[in-house]
Every structure is written in structure tokens, then in C-alpha cells.
Amino acid sequence: MKELEVTCPCCQARLTVDVLTSKVMRTRLPEAEKARDPWAAANEKVRDRTAQTTDKLDRALGDEKSKDARLDDAFEKARDKWRRDQEG
């Protein structure tokens, strides 16, 4: 069986064609080719992890900045409740 590998001019997919039957035996999409590159996959994972870490850090810093206000509100509510309980 003799095969020929060609690239589709429209979608850049790699097609493996049987020369005797003229049938497409295999198709590899461009994304599949990129996924086979271990360096590209590792680089993408690191990039995603870095972005996630930055988002987590930003959320944590926002929570920390608003912590004083949240604690002050909770303290005021507890004090008001205590005063109402003392009066009634």
C-alpha cells in the first residue's frame, strides 16, 4: 500500500491518501499537530497557570483590603444587637 501525505489548502489539515484507491486514510487537523508539540503544550500550561495565579492573588488582595470594612460592619451589628438586648 502506497500512501501520499498532502496538506489541505483550505484548513491546513494533513491528509494521508492511499494512492491505489484514492481514499483518505488519515486526517490530522492543525490543532492536533500543535498538541503533539510537547514544548508548545508545556508553554501553554505554564501561561495558563501564571494567569490563574495572578487572578487568585488579585482576589486575595481585594479580600484583604475589604477585610477591615467587613469586620467593622460585623462589629457594629453585634454591638447594636447587644444594646437592643440590654434595653429590652
Protein backbone atom coordinates (compact mmCIF):
# COMPACT_ATOMS: atom_id res chain seq x y z
CA MET A 1 0.00 0.00 0.00
CA LYS A 2 1.49 3.32 -1.09
CA GLU A 3 0.43 6.48 0.71
CA LEU A 4 0.82 10.15 -0.04
CA GLU A 5 0.64 12.90 2.55
CA VAL A 6 -0.78 16.26 1.47
CA THR A 7 -1.84 19.48 3.16
CA CYS A 8 -5.32 20.85 2.55
CA PRO A 9 -5.04 24.40 1.18
CA CYS A 10 -8.26 25.48 2.92
CA CYS A 11 -7.88 24.26 6.52
CA GLN A 12 -4.19 23.21 6.62
CA ALA A 13 -5.16 19.68 7.72
CA ARG A 14 -2.69 16.91 6.90
CA LEU A 15 -4.30 14.19 4.78
CA THR A 16 -2.85 10.75 4.20
CA VAL A 17 -4.19 9.37 0.91
CA ASP A 18 -3.92 5.81 -0.40
CA VAL A 19 -2.52 6.15 -3.93
CA LEU A 20 -4.16 2.96 -5.26
CA THR A 21 -7.70 3.62 -4.01
CA SER A 22 -7.57 7.45 -3.80
CA LYS A 23 -9.17 7.26 -0.35
CA VAL A 24 -8.23 9.46 2.58
CA MET A 25 -6.77 7.13 5.17
CA ARG A 26 -5.95 9.65 7.93
CA THR A 27 -6.70 13.27 8.70
CA ARG A 28 -4.76 15.34 11.20
CA LEU A 29 -6.15 18.77 11.98
CA PRO A 30 -3.77 21.68 12.60
CA GLU A 31 -4.76 21.79 16.31
CA ALA A 32 -3.81 18.13 16.63
CA GLU A 33 -0.40 18.88 15.15
CA LYS A 34 0.10 21.69 17.66
CA ALA A 35 -1.00 19.46 20.54
CA ARG A 36 1.70 16.93 19.62
CA ASP A 37 4.42 19.53 20.22
CA PRO A 38 5.36 18.98 23.89
CA TRP A 39 7.08 22.36 24.20
CA ALA A 40 4.03 24.24 22.97
CA ALA A 41 1.77 22.27 25.32
CA ALA A 42 4.07 22.88 28.30
CA ASN A 43 4.38 26.56 27.46
CA GLU A 44 0.59 26.90 27.29
CA LYS A 45 0.18 25.16 30.67
CA VAL A 46 2.69 27.49 32.28
CA ARG A 47 1.00 30.53 30.73
CA ASP A 48 -2.42 29.37 32.00
CA ARG A 49 -1.08 28.65 35.48
CA THR A 50 0.56 32.07 35.64
CA ALA A 51 -2.69 33.78 34.66
CA GLN A 52 -4.66 31.76 37.23
CA THR A 53 -2.15 32.57 39.94
CA THR A 54 -2.33 36.28 39.13
CA ASP A 55 -6.15 36.16 39.31
CA LYS A 56 -6.06 34.35 42.67
CA LEU A 57 -3.58 36.86 44.05
CA ASP A 58 -5.71 39.80 42.88
CA ARG A 59 -8.82 38.29 44.53
CA ALA A 60 -6.93 37.64 47.77
CA LEU A 61 -5.60 41.20 47.83
CA GLY A 62 -9.11 42.56 47.23
CA ASP A 63 -10.49 40.43 50.05
CA GLU A 64 -7.71 41.59 52.36
CA LYS A 65 -8.33 45.26 51.51
CA SER A 66 -12.04 44.95 52.26
CA LYS A 67 -11.50 42.90 55.43
CA ASP A 68 -11.39 45.94 57.75
CA ALA A 69 -14.70 47.27 56.43
CA ARG A 70 -16.37 43.85 56.74
CA LEU A 71 -15.11 43.38 60.28
CA ASP A 72 -16.19 46.92 61.27
CA ASP A 73 -19.68 46.23 59.88
CA ALA A 74 -19.91 42.92 61.76
CA PHE A 75 -18.75 44.60 64.98
CA GLU A 76 -21.31 47.41 64.61
CA LYS A 77 -24.13 44.92 64.04
CA ALA A 78 -23.10 42.86 67.05
CA ARG A 79 -22.86 45.98 69.23
CA ASP A 80 -26.27 47.20 68.07
CA LYS A 81 -27.79 43.79 68.81
CA TRP A 82 -26.17 43.74 72.26
CA ARG A 83 -27.56 47.24 73.01
CA ARG A 84 -31.06 46.17 71.91
CA ASP A 85 -30.82 43.08 74.09
CA GLN A 86 -29.69 45.20 77.07
CA GLU A 87 -32.58 47.67 76.64
CA GLY A 88 -35.27 45.08 76.13
